[in-house]
Amino acid sequence: MTSSEPAIDVMTRLRAGDSQAFAEEFARHRGRLRQMLEFRMDHRLRPRVDASDILQEVYVDAHQRIRHYFRHEQYSFFVWLRQLTEQRLIDVHRQHLVAEKRDVRHEQSLDRRRCSATSASIARHIVSQLTSPSQKLMAREAMAHIEKGLRSLDELDREVLVLRHFEELRNSEVAQVLGIREAAASNRYTRALIRLQEVLAGCGVQDD
């Protein structure tokens, strides 16, 4: 059993509506869900929105809809929780950012992106790992170079890269999240990772 696969007896308890089993299973996935939120949340929201508050709302939502999950059960339990978390994050973005701008076009763009991680998010994450004084001095230049390189990626390839490399989802989970075949998810990840390595090499940053 992997960290993302509930034991059979836990799933049986979940099907029976065992609230304690649900609490335990949600707690087991909480770290991965928080990691996704921290990576994907717009930087403008961080001073006023806490990831823990979003996860609490997801907990309540998932607990109320658990029977719906078992009626369909198209995805793994973790992928289902992740979908609910992503939708909640989209709602938060819409509430705080779109409402401020009152721009219908902005809202439509937000829906199309489905809160996808941007090239800037990936670049910030990579640059944040730089530790040596010389690396820190080149951080701003590296950010711009990495962003430019990642923008050249196909949008779906970039999303596969985020899911595998930064959210650390398994290939089967990536395929479920994106609705593509596992072989396609694997091929896209390999292609995107090669491109990322080329981008990092081009600006003197090593990707471990």
N, C-alpha and C. Protein backbone atom coordinates (compact mmCIF):
# COMPACT_ATOMS: atom_id res chain seq x y z
N MET A 1 0.85 -1.21 0.00
CA MET A 1 0.00 0.00 0.00
C MET A 1 0.87 1.24 0.00
N THR A 2 0.62 2.18 -0.91
CA THR A 2 1.37 3.43 -0.93
C THR A 2 0.67 4.45 -0.07
N SER A 3 1.32 5.61 0.11
CA SER A 3 0.77 6.65 0.96
C SER A 3 -0.53 7.23 0.42
N SER A 4 -0.81 6.99 -0.86
CA SER A 4 -2.02 7.56 -1.45
C SER A 4 -3.13 6.53 -1.64
N GLU A 5 -2.92 5.31 -1.19
CA GLU A 5 -3.91 4.26 -1.36
C GLU A 5 -4.42 3.79 0.01
N PRO A 6 -5.70 4.04 0.31
CA PRO A 6 -6.24 3.59 1.58
C PRO A 6 -6.28 2.06 1.64
N ALA A 7 -6.10 1.50 2.83
CA ALA A 7 -6.24 0.06 3.02
C ALA A 7 -7.68 -0.34 2.75
N ILE A 8 -7.87 -1.60 2.35
CA ILE A 8 -9.21 -2.07 2.00
C ILE A 8 -10.18 -1.91 3.15
N ASP A 9 -9.74 -2.21 4.38
CA ASP A 9 -10.66 -2.10 5.51
C ASP A 9 -11.04 -0.65 5.79
N VAL A 10 -10.12 0.30 5.50
CA VAL A 10 -10.44 1.72 5.66
C VAL A 10 -11.50 2.12 4.65
N MET A 11 -11.37 1.67 3.41
CA MET A 11 -12.36 1.98 2.39
C MET A 11 -13.72 1.40 2.76
N THR A 12 -13.72 0.23 3.37
CA THR A 12 -14.97 -0.38 3.82
C THR A 12 -15.63 0.48 4.88
N ARG A 13 -14.82 0.99 5.80
CA ARG A 13 -15.34 1.86 6.85
C ARG A 13 -15.85 3.18 6.27
N LEU A 14 -15.13 3.69 5.26
CA LEU A 14 -15.57 4.93 4.61
C LEU A 14 -16.91 4.73 3.92
N ARG A 15 -17.05 3.60 3.24
CA ARG A 15 -18.32 3.30 2.56
C ARG A 15 -19.47 3.23 3.55
N ALA A 16 -19.17 2.78 4.76
CA ALA A 16 -20.20 2.62 5.78
C ALA A 16 -20.49 3.93 6.51
N GLY A 17 -19.78 4.99 6.13
CA GLY A 17 -20.03 6.30 6.74
C GLY A 17 -19.32 6.49 8.06
N ASP A 18 -18.22 5.80 8.28
CA ASP A 18 -17.46 5.91 9.53
C ASP A 18 -16.72 7.25 9.55
N SER A 19 -17.16 8.18 10.39
CA SER A 19 -16.57 9.51 10.45
C SER A 19 -15.12 9.48 10.93
N GLN A 20 -14.80 8.57 11.84
CA GLN A 20 -13.44 8.47 12.34
C GLN A 20 -12.49 8.02 11.23
N ALA A 21 -12.95 7.06 10.42
CA ALA A 21 -12.14 6.59 9.30
C ALA A 21 -11.91 7.73 8.31
N PHE A 22 -12.95 8.54 8.09
CA PHE A 22 -12.80 9.67 7.18
C PHE A 22 -11.77 10.67 7.72
N ALA A 23 -11.86 10.97 9.01
CA ALA A 23 -10.93 11.91 9.62
C ALA A 23 -9.49 11.41 9.50
N GLU A 24 -9.29 10.12 9.72
CA GLU A 24 -7.95 9.54 9.64
C GLU A 24 -7.42 9.60 8.21
N GLU A 25 -8.30 9.28 7.25
CA GLU A 25 -7.87 9.25 5.86
C GLU A 25 -7.58 10.65 5.34
N PHE A 26 -8.40 11.61 5.73
CA PHE A 26 -8.16 12.99 5.31
C PHE A 26 -6.84 13.48 5.90
N ALA A 27 -6.60 13.16 7.15
CA ALA A 27 -5.36 13.59 7.80
C ALA A 27 -4.15 13.00 7.08
N ARG A 28 -4.29 11.78 6.58
CA ARG A 28 -3.18 11.13 5.88
C ARG A 28 -2.83 11.85 4.57
N HIS A 29 -3.82 12.45 3.95
CA HIS A 29 -3.60 13.14 2.68
C HIS A 29 -3.41 14.65 2.85
N ARG A 30 -3.59 15.14 4.04
CA ARG A 30 -3.59 16.59 4.27
C ARG A 30 -2.29 17.26 3.82
N GLY A 31 -1.16 16.64 4.10
CA GLY A 31 0.12 17.23 3.73
C GLY A 31 0.25 17.43 2.23
N ARG A 32 -0.18 16.44 1.45
CA ARG A 32 -0.09 16.54 0.00
C ARG A 32 -1.05 17.61 -0.53
N LEU A 33 -2.22 17.70 0.06
CA LEU A 33 -3.18 18.71 -0.36
C LEU A 33 -2.66 20.11 -0.04
N ARG A 34 -2.05 20.24 1.12
CA ARG A 34 -1.49 21.54 1.50
C ARG A 34 -0.34 21.93 0.58
N GLN A 35 0.46 20.96 0.22
CA GLN A 35 1.57 21.21 -0.70
C GLN A 35 1.04 21.76 -2.02
N MET A 36 -0.07 21.20 -2.51
CA MET A 36 -0.67 21.69 -3.74
C MET A 36 -1.15 23.12 -3.59
N LEU A 37 -1.80 23.42 -2.47
CA LEU A 37 -2.30 24.77 -2.23
C LEU A 37 -1.16 25.78 -2.14
N GLU A 38 -0.12 25.43 -1.43
CA GLU A 38 1.00 26.35 -1.25
C GLU A 38 1.66 26.67 -2.59
N PHE A 39 1.70 25.68 -3.46
CA PHE A 39 2.34 25.90 -4.75
C PHE A 39 1.47 26.71 -5.69
N ARG A 40 0.17 26.48 -5.65
CA ARG A 40 -0.73 27.06 -6.66
C ARG A 40 -1.43 28.35 -6.23
N MET A 41 -1.39 28.68 -4.97
CA MET A 41 -2.11 29.87 -4.54
C MET A 41 -1.45 31.13 -5.08
N ASP A 42 -2.26 32.03 -5.64
CA ASP A 42 -1.76 33.30 -6.15
C ASP A 42 -1.07 34.07 -5.02
N HIS A 43 0.10 34.65 -5.34
CA HIS A 43 0.89 35.34 -4.30
C HIS A 43 0.12 36.49 -3.66
N ARG A 44 -0.88 37.04 -4.38
CA ARG A 44 -1.65 38.16 -3.83
C ARG A 44 -2.60 37.70 -2.73
N LEU A 45 -2.88 36.40 -2.68
CA LEU A 45 -3.81 35.89 -1.67
C LEU A 45 -3.11 35.50 -0.36
N ARG A 46 -1.82 35.26 -0.42
CA ARG A 46 -1.12 34.71 0.74
C ARG A 46 -1.27 35.54 2.02
N PRO A 47 -1.28 36.88 1.94
CA PRO A 47 -1.42 37.65 3.19
C PRO A 47 -2.81 37.55 3.82
N ARG A 48 -3.81 37.13 3.06
CA ARG A 48 -5.17 37.14 3.60
C ARG A 48 -5.90 35.80 3.57
N VAL A 49 -5.29 34.79 2.97
CA VAL A 49 -5.93 33.48 2.92
C VAL A 49 -4.96 32.43 3.45
N ASP A 50 -5.42 31.64 4.41
CA ASP A 50 -4.60 30.60 5.01
C ASP A 50 -4.98 29.25 4.40
N ALA A 51 -3.97 28.49 3.98
CA ALA A 51 -4.22 27.18 3.39
C ALA A 51 -4.98 26.27 4.35
N SER A 52 -4.74 26.41 5.64
CA SER A 52 -5.44 25.57 6.63
C SER A 52 -6.94 25.83 6.60
N ASP A 53 -7.34 27.09 6.39
CA ASP A 53 -8.76 27.41 6.32
C ASP A 53 -9.40 26.78 5.09
N ILE A 54 -8.68 26.80 3.97
CA ILE A 54 -9.20 26.16 2.77
C ILE A 54 -9.37 24.67 2.98
N LEU A 55 -8.39 24.05 3.61
CA LEU A 55 -8.45 22.61 3.85
C LEU A 55 -9.58 22.25 4.80
N GLN A 56 -9.87 23.11 5.75
CA GLN A 56 -10.99 22.86 6.64
C GLN A 56 -12.30 22.87 5.87
N GLU A 57 -12.43 23.78 4.92
CA GLU A 57 -13.63 23.83 4.09
C GLU A 57 -13.72 22.59 3.20
N VAL A 58 -12.58 22.15 2.70
CA VAL A 58 -12.56 20.93 1.88
C VAL A 58 -12.96 19.73 2.72
N TYR A 59 -12.50 19.68 3.94
CA TYR A 59 -12.84 18.58 4.85
C TYR A 59 -14.36 18.48 5.01
N VAL A 60 -14.99 19.61 5.28
CA VAL A 60 -16.45 19.62 5.48
C VAL A 60 -17.15 19.22 4.19
N ASP A 61 -16.70 19.78 3.07
CA ASP A 61 -17.30 19.49 1.78
C ASP A 61 -17.18 18.01 1.45
N ALA A 62 -15.98 17.45 1.61
CA ALA A 62 -15.75 16.04 1.29
C ALA A 62 -16.57 15.12 2.19
N HIS A 63 -16.65 15.46 3.46
CA HIS A 63 -17.42 14.64 4.40
C HIS A 63 -18.90 14.60 4.01
N GLN A 64 -19.39 15.73 3.54
CA GLN A 64 -20.79 15.79 3.13
C GLN A 64 -21.05 15.05 1.82
N ARG A 65 -20.02 14.93 0.99
CA ARG A 65 -20.20 14.36 -0.35
C ARG A 65 -19.61 12.97 -0.49
N ILE A 66 -19.21 12.35 0.61
CA ILE A 66 -18.53 11.06 0.54
C ILE A 66 -19.38 9.99 -0.13
N ARG A 67 -20.69 10.02 0.09
CA ARG A 67 -21.57 9.02 -0.54
C ARG A 67 -21.59 9.22 -2.06
N HIS A 68 -21.53 10.47 -2.49
CA HIS A 68 -21.48 10.75 -3.93
C HIS A 68 -20.22 10.15 -4.53
N TYR A 69 -19.10 10.25 -3.82
CA TYR A 69 -17.85 9.67 -4.31
C TYR A 69 -18.00 8.18 -4.54
N PHE A 70 -18.57 7.47 -3.60
CA PHE A 70 -18.67 6.03 -3.73
C PHE A 70 -19.73 5.59 -4.75
N ARG A 71 -20.66 6.47 -5.06
CA ARG A 71 -21.64 6.13 -6.10
C ARG A 71 -20.98 6.12 -7.48
N HIS A 72 -19.94 6.91 -7.65
CA HIS A 72 -19.28 7.01 -8.95
C HIS A 72 -17.87 6.42 -8.92
N GLU A 73 -17.08 6.80 -7.96
CA GLU A 73 -15.74 6.25 -7.73
C GLU A 73 -14.92 6.16 -9.02
N GLN A 74 -14.81 7.29 -9.72
CA GLN A 74 -14.04 7.33 -10.95
C GLN A 74 -12.55 7.48 -10.70
N TYR A 75 -12.21 8.02 -9.54
CA TYR A 75 -10.82 8.32 -9.23
C TYR A 75 -10.41 7.70 -7.90
N SER A 76 -9.11 7.73 -7.65
CA SER A 76 -8.65 7.33 -6.32
C SER A 76 -9.17 8.34 -5.30
N PHE A 77 -9.20 7.95 -4.04
CA PHE A 77 -9.73 8.82 -3.00
C PHE A 77 -8.90 10.10 -2.91
N PHE A 78 -7.58 9.98 -3.04
CA PHE A 78 -6.75 11.17 -2.98
C PHE A 78 -7.04 12.12 -4.14
N VAL A 79 -7.14 11.59 -5.36
CA VAL A 79 -7.40 12.44 -6.52
C VAL A 79 -8.74 13.15 -6.37
N TRP A 80 -9.73 12.46 -5.79
CA TRP A 80 -11.03 13.09 -5.53
C TRP A 80 -10.88 14.25 -4.54
N LEU A 81 -10.15 14.02 -3.46
CA LEU A 81 -9.91 15.10 -2.49
C LEU A 81 -9.15 16.25 -3.13
N ARG A 82 -8.21 15.92 -3.99
CA ARG A 82 -7.45 16.97 -4.66
C ARG A 82 -8.33 17.79 -5.58
N GLN A 83 -9.27 17.15 -6.26
CA GLN A 83 -10.20 17.88 -7.13
C GLN A 83 -11.05 18.86 -6.31
N LEU A 84 -11.53 18.40 -5.16
CA LEU A 84 -12.32 19.28 -4.31
C LEU A 84 -11.47 20.45 -3.81
N THR A 85 -10.21 20.17 -3.50
CA THR A 85 -9.31 21.23 -3.03
C THR A 85 -9.03 22.23 -4.13
N GLU A 86 -8.81 21.74 -5.33
CA GLU A 86 -8.55 22.63 -6.46
C GLU A 86 -9.77 23.52 -6.73
N GLN A 87 -10.97 22.92 -6.68
CA GLN A 87 -12.18 23.71 -6.91
C GLN A 87 -12.35 24.78 -5.84
N ARG A 88 -12.04 24.43 -4.60
CA ARG A 88 -12.14 25.41 -3.52
C ARG A 88 -11.14 26.55 -3.74
N LEU A 89 -9.95 26.22 -4.22
CA LEU A 89 -8.96 27.25 -4.49
C LEU A 89 -9.41 28.16 -5.63
N ILE A 90 -10.02 27.59 -6.65
CA ILE A 90 -10.57 28.39 -7.74
C ILE A 90 -11.62 29.35 -7.20
N ASP A 91 -12.48 28.85 -6.32
CA ASP A 91 -13.53 29.70 -5.72
C ASP A 91 -12.91 30.85 -4.93
N VAL A 92 -11.83 30.56 -4.20
CA VAL A 92 -11.17 31.59 -3.40
C VAL A 92 -10.54 32.64 -4.31
N HIS A 93 -9.90 32.19 -5.39
CA HIS A 93 -9.33 33.13 -6.35
C HIS A 93 -10.42 34.02 -6.94
N ARG A 94 -11.52 33.40 -7.30
CA ARG A 94 -12.61 34.18 -7.89
C ARG A 94 -13.16 35.19 -6.89
N GLN A 95 -13.33 34.75 -5.67
CA GLN A 95 -13.90 35.61 -4.63
C GLN A 95 -13.02 36.82 -4.35
N HIS A 96 -11.71 36.60 -4.25
CA HIS A 96 -10.82 37.68 -3.82
C HIS A 96 -10.22 38.48 -4.97
N LEU A 97 -10.01 37.84 -6.12
CA LEU A 97 -9.32 38.53 -7.21
C LEU A 97 -10.27 39.01 -8.30
N VAL A 98 -11.15 38.12 -8.76
CA VAL A 98 -12.08 38.50 -9.81
C VAL A 98 -13.08 39.53 -9.29
N ALA A 99 -13.54 39.34 -8.07
CA ALA A 99 -14.52 40.26 -7.51
C ALA A 99 -13.96 41.67 -7.42
N GLU A 100 -12.65 41.76 -7.16
CA GLU A 100 -12.02 43.08 -7.07
C GLU A 100 -11.97 43.77 -8.43
N LYS A 101 -11.67 43.00 -9.47
CA LYS A 101 -11.52 43.59 -10.78
C LYS A 101 -12.85 43.77 -11.51
N ARG A 102 -13.86 42.97 -11.13
CA ARG A 102 -15.15 43.04 -11.80
C ARG A 102 -14.98 42.90 -13.31
N ASP A 103 -14.15 41.99 -13.71
CA ASP A 103 -13.84 41.82 -15.12
C ASP A 103 -14.25 40.42 -15.55
N VAL A 104 -15.28 40.32 -16.39
CA VAL A 104 -15.78 39.02 -16.82
C VAL A 104 -14.71 38.26 -17.59
N ARG A 105 -13.92 38.97 -18.38
CA ARG A 105 -12.89 38.31 -19.15
C ARG A 105 -11.85 37.66 -18.24
N HIS A 106 -11.55 38.32 -17.13
CA HIS A 106 -10.60 37.77 -16.17
C HIS A 106 -11.16 36.48 -15.56
N GLU A 107 -12.44 36.47 -15.26
CA GLU A 107 -13.05 35.28 -14.67
C GLU A 107 -13.04 34.13 -15.65
N GLN A 108 -13.32 34.41 -16.91
CA GLN A 108 -13.32 33.36 -17.91
C GLN A 108 -11.92 32.77 -18.06
N SER A 109 -10.91 33.65 -18.02
CA SER A 109 -9.53 33.18 -18.10
C SER A 109 -9.19 32.30 -16.92
N LEU A 110 -9.66 32.67 -15.74
CA LEU A 110 -9.39 31.90 -14.54
C LEU A 110 -10.00 30.50 -14.67
N ASP A 111 -11.23 30.42 -15.18
CA ASP A 111 -11.88 29.13 -15.36
C ASP A 111 -11.13 28.26 -16.35
N ARG A 112 -10.63 28.86 -17.42
CA ARG A 112 -9.91 28.08 -18.42
C ARG A 112 -8.63 27.50 -17.85
N ARG A 113 -7.94 28.27 -17.05
CA ARG A 113 -6.67 27.81 -16.47
C ARG A 113 -6.88 26.74 -15.41
N ARG A 114 -8.09 26.68 -14.84
CA ARG A 114 -8.38 25.74 -13.76
C ARG A 114 -7.32 25.85 -12.67
N CYS A 115 -6.92 27.10 -12.42
CA CYS A 115 -5.94 27.36 -11.36
C CYS A 115 -4.61 26.65 -11.64
N SER A 116 -4.28 26.45 -12.91
CA SER A 116 -3.02 25.81 -13.26
C SER A 116 -1.85 26.62 -12.70
N ALA A 117 -0.81 25.91 -12.29
CA ALA A 117 0.39 26.61 -11.83
C ALA A 117 1.01 27.34 -13.00
N THR A 118 1.44 28.55 -12.80
CA THR A 118 2.04 29.35 -13.85
C THR A 118 3.53 29.10 -13.93
N SER A 119 4.09 29.57 -15.05
CA SER A 119 5.54 29.47 -15.19
C SER A 119 6.25 30.23 -14.08
N ALA A 120 5.65 31.34 -13.65
CA ALA A 120 6.24 32.13 -12.58
C ALA A 120 6.28 31.34 -11.28
N SER A 121 5.23 30.55 -11.00
CA SER A 121 5.19 29.74 -9.78
C SER A 121 6.30 28.71 -9.78
N ILE A 122 6.50 28.07 -10.92
CA ILE A 122 7.56 27.07 -11.03
C ILE A 122 8.92 27.74 -10.83
N ALA A 123 9.10 28.87 -11.50
CA ALA A 123 10.39 29.57 -11.41
C ALA A 123 10.67 30.00 -9.97
N ARG A 124 9.66 30.54 -9.28
CA ARG A 124 9.87 30.96 -7.89
C ARG A 124 10.26 29.79 -7.01
N HIS A 125 9.63 28.64 -7.25
CA HIS A 125 9.92 27.45 -6.46
C HIS A 125 11.37 27.01 -6.67
N ILE A 126 11.81 27.00 -7.93
CA ILE A 126 13.17 26.58 -8.23
C ILE A 126 14.18 27.56 -7.65
N VAL A 127 13.96 28.84 -7.86
CA VAL A 127 14.90 29.86 -7.39
C VAL A 127 14.97 29.88 -5.86
N SER A 128 13.86 29.53 -5.20
CA SER A 128 13.86 29.52 -3.73
C SER A 128 14.81 28.47 -3.17
N GLN A 129 15.20 27.49 -4.01
CA GLN A 129 16.11 26.44 -3.56
C GLN A 129 17.58 26.85 -3.68
N LEU A 130 17.84 27.99 -4.32
CA LEU A 130 19.22 28.45 -4.47
C LEU A 130 19.77 28.89 -3.11
N THR A 131 20.95 28.44 -2.79
CA THR A 131 21.48 28.68 -1.44
C THR A 131 22.80 29.45 -1.40
N SER A 132 23.65 29.26 -2.41
CA SER A 132 24.96 29.91 -2.35
C SER A 132 24.83 31.40 -2.64
N PRO A 133 25.75 32.21 -2.14
CA PRO A 133 25.71 33.67 -2.38
C PRO A 133 25.68 34.01 -3.87
N SER A 134 26.49 33.29 -4.68
CA SER A 134 26.52 33.59 -6.11
C SER A 134 25.20 33.24 -6.77
N GLN A 135 24.58 32.15 -6.31
CA GLN A 135 23.27 31.77 -6.87
C GLN A 135 22.21 32.80 -6.51
N LYS A 136 22.25 33.29 -5.28
CA LYS A 136 21.25 34.27 -4.86
C LYS A 136 21.38 35.57 -5.64
N LEU A 137 22.62 35.92 -5.99
CA LEU A 137 22.84 37.15 -6.75
C LEU A 137 22.22 37.05 -8.14
N MET A 138 22.20 35.82 -8.69
CA MET A 138 21.67 35.65 -10.04
C MET A 138 20.20 35.24 -10.03
N ALA A 139 19.57 35.25 -8.86
CA ALA A 139 18.21 34.74 -8.74
C ALA A 139 17.23 35.47 -9.65
N ARG A 140 17.29 36.80 -9.67
CA ARG A 140 16.32 37.56 -10.47
C ARG A 140 16.48 37.25 -11.95
N GLU A 141 17.73 37.21 -12.41
CA GLU A 141 17.98 36.89 -13.82
C GLU A 141 17.53 35.46 -14.13
N ALA A 142 17.79 34.55 -13.19
CA ALA A 142 17.37 33.15 -13.38
C ALA A 142 15.86 33.04 -13.46
N MET A 143 15.16 33.78 -12.62
CA MET A 143 13.70 33.76 -12.63
C MET A 143 13.17 34.09 -14.03
N ALA A 144 13.67 35.17 -14.60
CA ALA A 144 13.19 35.60 -15.92
C ALA A 144 13.50 34.55 -16.99
N HIS A 145 14.70 33.97 -16.90
CA HIS A 145 15.12 32.97 -17.89
C HIS A 145 14.27 31.71 -17.78
N ILE A 146 14.04 31.25 -16.55
CA ILE A 146 13.24 30.04 -16.34
C ILE A 146 11.81 30.26 -16.80
N GLU A 147 11.23 31.40 -16.44
CA GLU A 147 9.86 31.70 -16.85
C GLU A 147 9.73 31.68 -18.37
N LYS A 148 10.68 32.32 -19.05
CA LYS A 148 10.63 32.38 -20.50
C LYS A 148 10.70 30.98 -21.11
N GLY A 149 11.59 30.16 -20.58
CA GLY A 149 11.74 28.80 -21.09
C GLY A 149 10.49 27.96 -20.86
N LEU A 150 9.89 28.09 -19.67
CA LEU A 150 8.71 27.29 -19.35
C LEU A 150 7.48 27.74 -20.14
N ARG A 151 7.45 29.02 -20.51
CA ARG A 151 6.32 29.50 -21.32
C ARG A 151 6.33 28.87 -22.71
N SER A 152 7.50 28.35 -23.12
CA SER A 152 7.59 27.71 -24.43
C SER A 152 7.03 26.28 -24.40
N LEU A 153 6.77 25.77 -23.21
CA LEU A 153 6.20 24.42 -23.09
C LEU A 153 4.73 24.42 -23.44
N ASP A 154 4.28 23.30 -23.99
CA ASP A 154 2.84 23.09 -24.16
C ASP A 154 2.19 23.17 -22.78
N GLU A 155 0.98 23.77 -22.71
CA GLU A 155 0.33 23.98 -21.42
C GLU A 155 0.12 22.66 -20.67
N LEU A 156 -0.27 21.62 -21.39
CA LEU A 156 -0.51 20.34 -20.75
C LEU A 156 0.80 19.72 -20.27
N ASP A 157 1.86 19.86 -21.05
CA ASP A 157 3.17 19.37 -20.62
C ASP A 157 3.61 20.07 -19.33
N ARG A 158 3.38 21.38 -19.27
CA ARG A 158 3.76 22.14 -18.09
C ARG A 158 2.96 21.67 -16.88
N GLU A 159 1.68 21.36 -17.09
CA GLU A 159 0.86 20.89 -15.98
C GLU A 159 1.30 19.51 -15.50
N VAL A 160 1.66 18.64 -16.43
CA VAL A 160 2.19 17.32 -16.07
C VAL A 160 3.46 17.48 -15.24
N LEU A 161 4.31 18.41 -15.66
CA LEU A 161 5.55 18.67 -14.93
C LEU A 161 5.26 19.10 -13.50
N VAL A 162 4.29 19.99 -13.33
CA VAL A 162 3.93 20.47 -12.00
C VAL A 162 3.41 19.32 -11.14
N LEU A 163 2.51 18.54 -11.70
CA LEU A 163 1.90 17.45 -10.93
C LEU A 163 2.92 16.40 -10.51
N ARG A 164 3.82 16.05 -11.42
CA ARG A 164 4.80 15.02 -11.10
C ARG A 164 5.97 15.56 -10.29
N HIS A 165 6.54 16.68 -10.74
CA HIS A 165 7.81 17.13 -10.19
C HIS A 165 7.64 17.99 -8.94
N PHE A 166 6.54 18.71 -8.83
CA PHE A 166 6.37 19.64 -7.71
C PHE A 166 5.30 19.18 -6.72
N GLU A 167 4.22 18.59 -7.22
CA GLU A 167 3.22 18.03 -6.30
C GLU A 167 3.53 16.59 -5.94
N GLU A 168 4.42 15.97 -6.71
CA GLU A 168 4.90 14.61 -6.45
C GLU A 168 3.77 13.57 -6.56
N LEU A 169 2.90 13.73 -7.54
CA LEU A 169 1.88 12.74 -7.82
C LEU A 169 2.49 11.60 -8.62
N ARG A 170 1.93 10.41 -8.44
CA ARG A 170 2.34 9.29 -9.26
C ARG A 170 1.78 9.46 -10.68
N ASN A 171 2.38 8.76 -11.63
CA ASN A 171 1.95 8.89 -13.02
C ASN A 171 0.46 8.53 -13.18
N SER A 172 0.01 7.49 -12.48
CA SER A 172 -1.40 7.09 -12.58
C SER A 172 -2.32 8.18 -12.05
N GLU A 173 -1.88 8.89 -11.01
CA GLU A 173 -2.67 9.98 -10.45
C GLU A 173 -2.72 11.17 -11.41
N VAL A 174 -1.59 11.45 -12.05
CA VAL A 174 -1.55 12.53 -13.03
C VAL A 174 -2.53 12.24 -14.16
N ALA A 175 -2.54 11.00 -14.63
CA ALA A 175 -3.44 10.61 -15.71
C ALA A 175 -4.90 10.82 -15.29
N GLN A 176 -5.23 10.48 -14.04
CA GLN A 176 -6.59 10.66 -13.55
C GLN A 176 -6.95 12.15 -13.46
N VAL A 177 -6.03 12.94 -12.93
CA VAL A 177 -6.29 14.37 -12.76
C VAL A 177 -6.55 15.04 -14.11
N LEU A 178 -5.76 14.68 -15.12
CA LEU A 178 -5.84 15.35 -16.41
C LEU A 178 -6.74 14.64 -17.42
N GLY A 179 -7.20 13.44 -17.07
CA GLY A 179 -8.08 12.70 -17.98
C GLY A 179 -7.38 12.22 -19.23
N ILE A 180 -6.12 11.79 -19.08
CA ILE A 180 -5.37 11.27 -20.22
C ILE A 180 -4.84 9.88 -19.86
N ARG A 181 -4.35 9.16 -20.86
CA ARG A 181 -3.80 7.83 -20.62
C ARG A 181 -2.48 7.93 -19.86
N GLU A 182 -2.18 6.88 -19.10
CA GLU A 182 -0.95 6.87 -18.32
C GLU A 182 0.28 6.98 -19.21
N ALA A 183 0.25 6.31 -20.36
CA ALA A 183 1.39 6.37 -21.28
C ALA A 183 1.60 7.80 -21.77
N ALA A 184 0.51 8.51 -22.06
CA ALA A 184 0.61 9.89 -22.51
C ALA A 184 1.15 10.78 -21.41
N ALA A 185 0.70 10.54 -20.17
CA ALA A 185 1.19 11.32 -19.04
C ALA A 185 2.69 11.11 -18.85
N SER A 186 3.13 9.87 -18.99
CA SER A 186 4.54 9.55 -18.83
C SER A 186 5.39 10.20 -19.92
N ASN A 187 4.92 10.12 -21.16
CA ASN A 187 5.66 10.72 -22.27
C ASN A 187 5.75 12.24 -22.14
N ARG A 188 4.65 12.85 -21.72
CA ARG A 188 4.65 14.31 -21.55
C ARG A 188 5.58 14.72 -20.42
N TYR A 189 5.61 13.94 -19.35
CA TYR A 189 6.49 14.27 -18.23
C TYR A 189 7.96 14.20 -18.65
N THR A 190 8.32 13.15 -19.38
CA THR A 190 9.69 13.01 -19.84
C THR A 190 10.09 14.19 -20.72
N ARG A 191 9.20 14.55 -21.63
CA ARG A 191 9.48 15.67 -22.53
C ARG A 191 9.62 16.99 -21.77
N ALA A 192 8.72 17.21 -20.82
CA ALA A 192 8.75 18.46 -20.04
C ALA A 192 9.97 18.52 -19.13
N LEU A 193 10.35 17.37 -18.55
CA LEU A 193 11.50 17.35 -17.66
C LEU A 193 12.80 17.62 -18.42
N ILE A 194 12.90 17.09 -19.62
CA ILE A 194 14.07 17.37 -20.45
C ILE A 194 14.15 18.86 -20.76
N ARG A 195 13.01 19.45 -21.08
CA ARG A 195 12.98 20.88 -21.38
C ARG A 195 13.35 21.70 -20.16
N LEU A 196 12.84 21.30 -18.97
CA LEU A 196 13.18 22.00 -17.74
C LEU A 196 14.68 21.94 -17.48
N GLN A 197 15.27 20.77 -17.66
CA GLN A 197 16.70 20.61 -17.45
C GLN A 197 17.51 21.47 -18.41
N GLU A 198 17.02 21.59 -19.66
CA GLU A 198 17.70 22.45 -20.64
C GLU A 198 17.63 23.91 -20.20
N VAL A 199 16.46 24.31 -19.72
CA VAL A 199 16.28 25.69 -19.27
C VAL A 199 17.20 25.99 -18.09
N LEU A 200 17.24 25.07 -17.12
CA LEU A 200 18.08 25.30 -15.94
C LEU A 200 19.56 25.31 -16.29
N ALA A 201 19.96 24.43 -17.20
CA ALA A 201 21.36 24.41 -17.62
C ALA A 201 21.74 25.71 -18.31
N GLY A 202 20.76 26.28 -19.04
CA GLY A 202 21.01 27.50 -19.78
C GLY A 202 21.26 28.70 -18.89
N CYS A 203 20.78 28.64 -17.63
CA CYS A 203 21.02 29.77 -16.72
C CYS A 203 21.88 29.36 -15.55
N GLY A 204 22.57 28.22 -15.67
CA GLY A 204 23.53 27.81 -14.64
C GLY A 204 22.93 27.32 -13.36
N VAL A 205 21.68 26.83 -13.42
CA VAL A 205 21.03 26.29 -12.22
C VAL A 205 20.93 24.79 -12.36
N GLN A 206 21.36 24.06 -11.36
CA GLN A 206 21.28 22.62 -11.37
C GLN A 206 20.00 22.18 -10.71
N ASP A 207 19.26 21.25 -11.36
CA ASP A 207 18.01 20.71 -10.82
C ASP A 207 18.28 19.35 -10.24
N ASP A 208 18.19 19.25 -8.90
CA ASP A 208 18.44 17.97 -8.24
C ASP A 208 17.17 17.16 -8.13
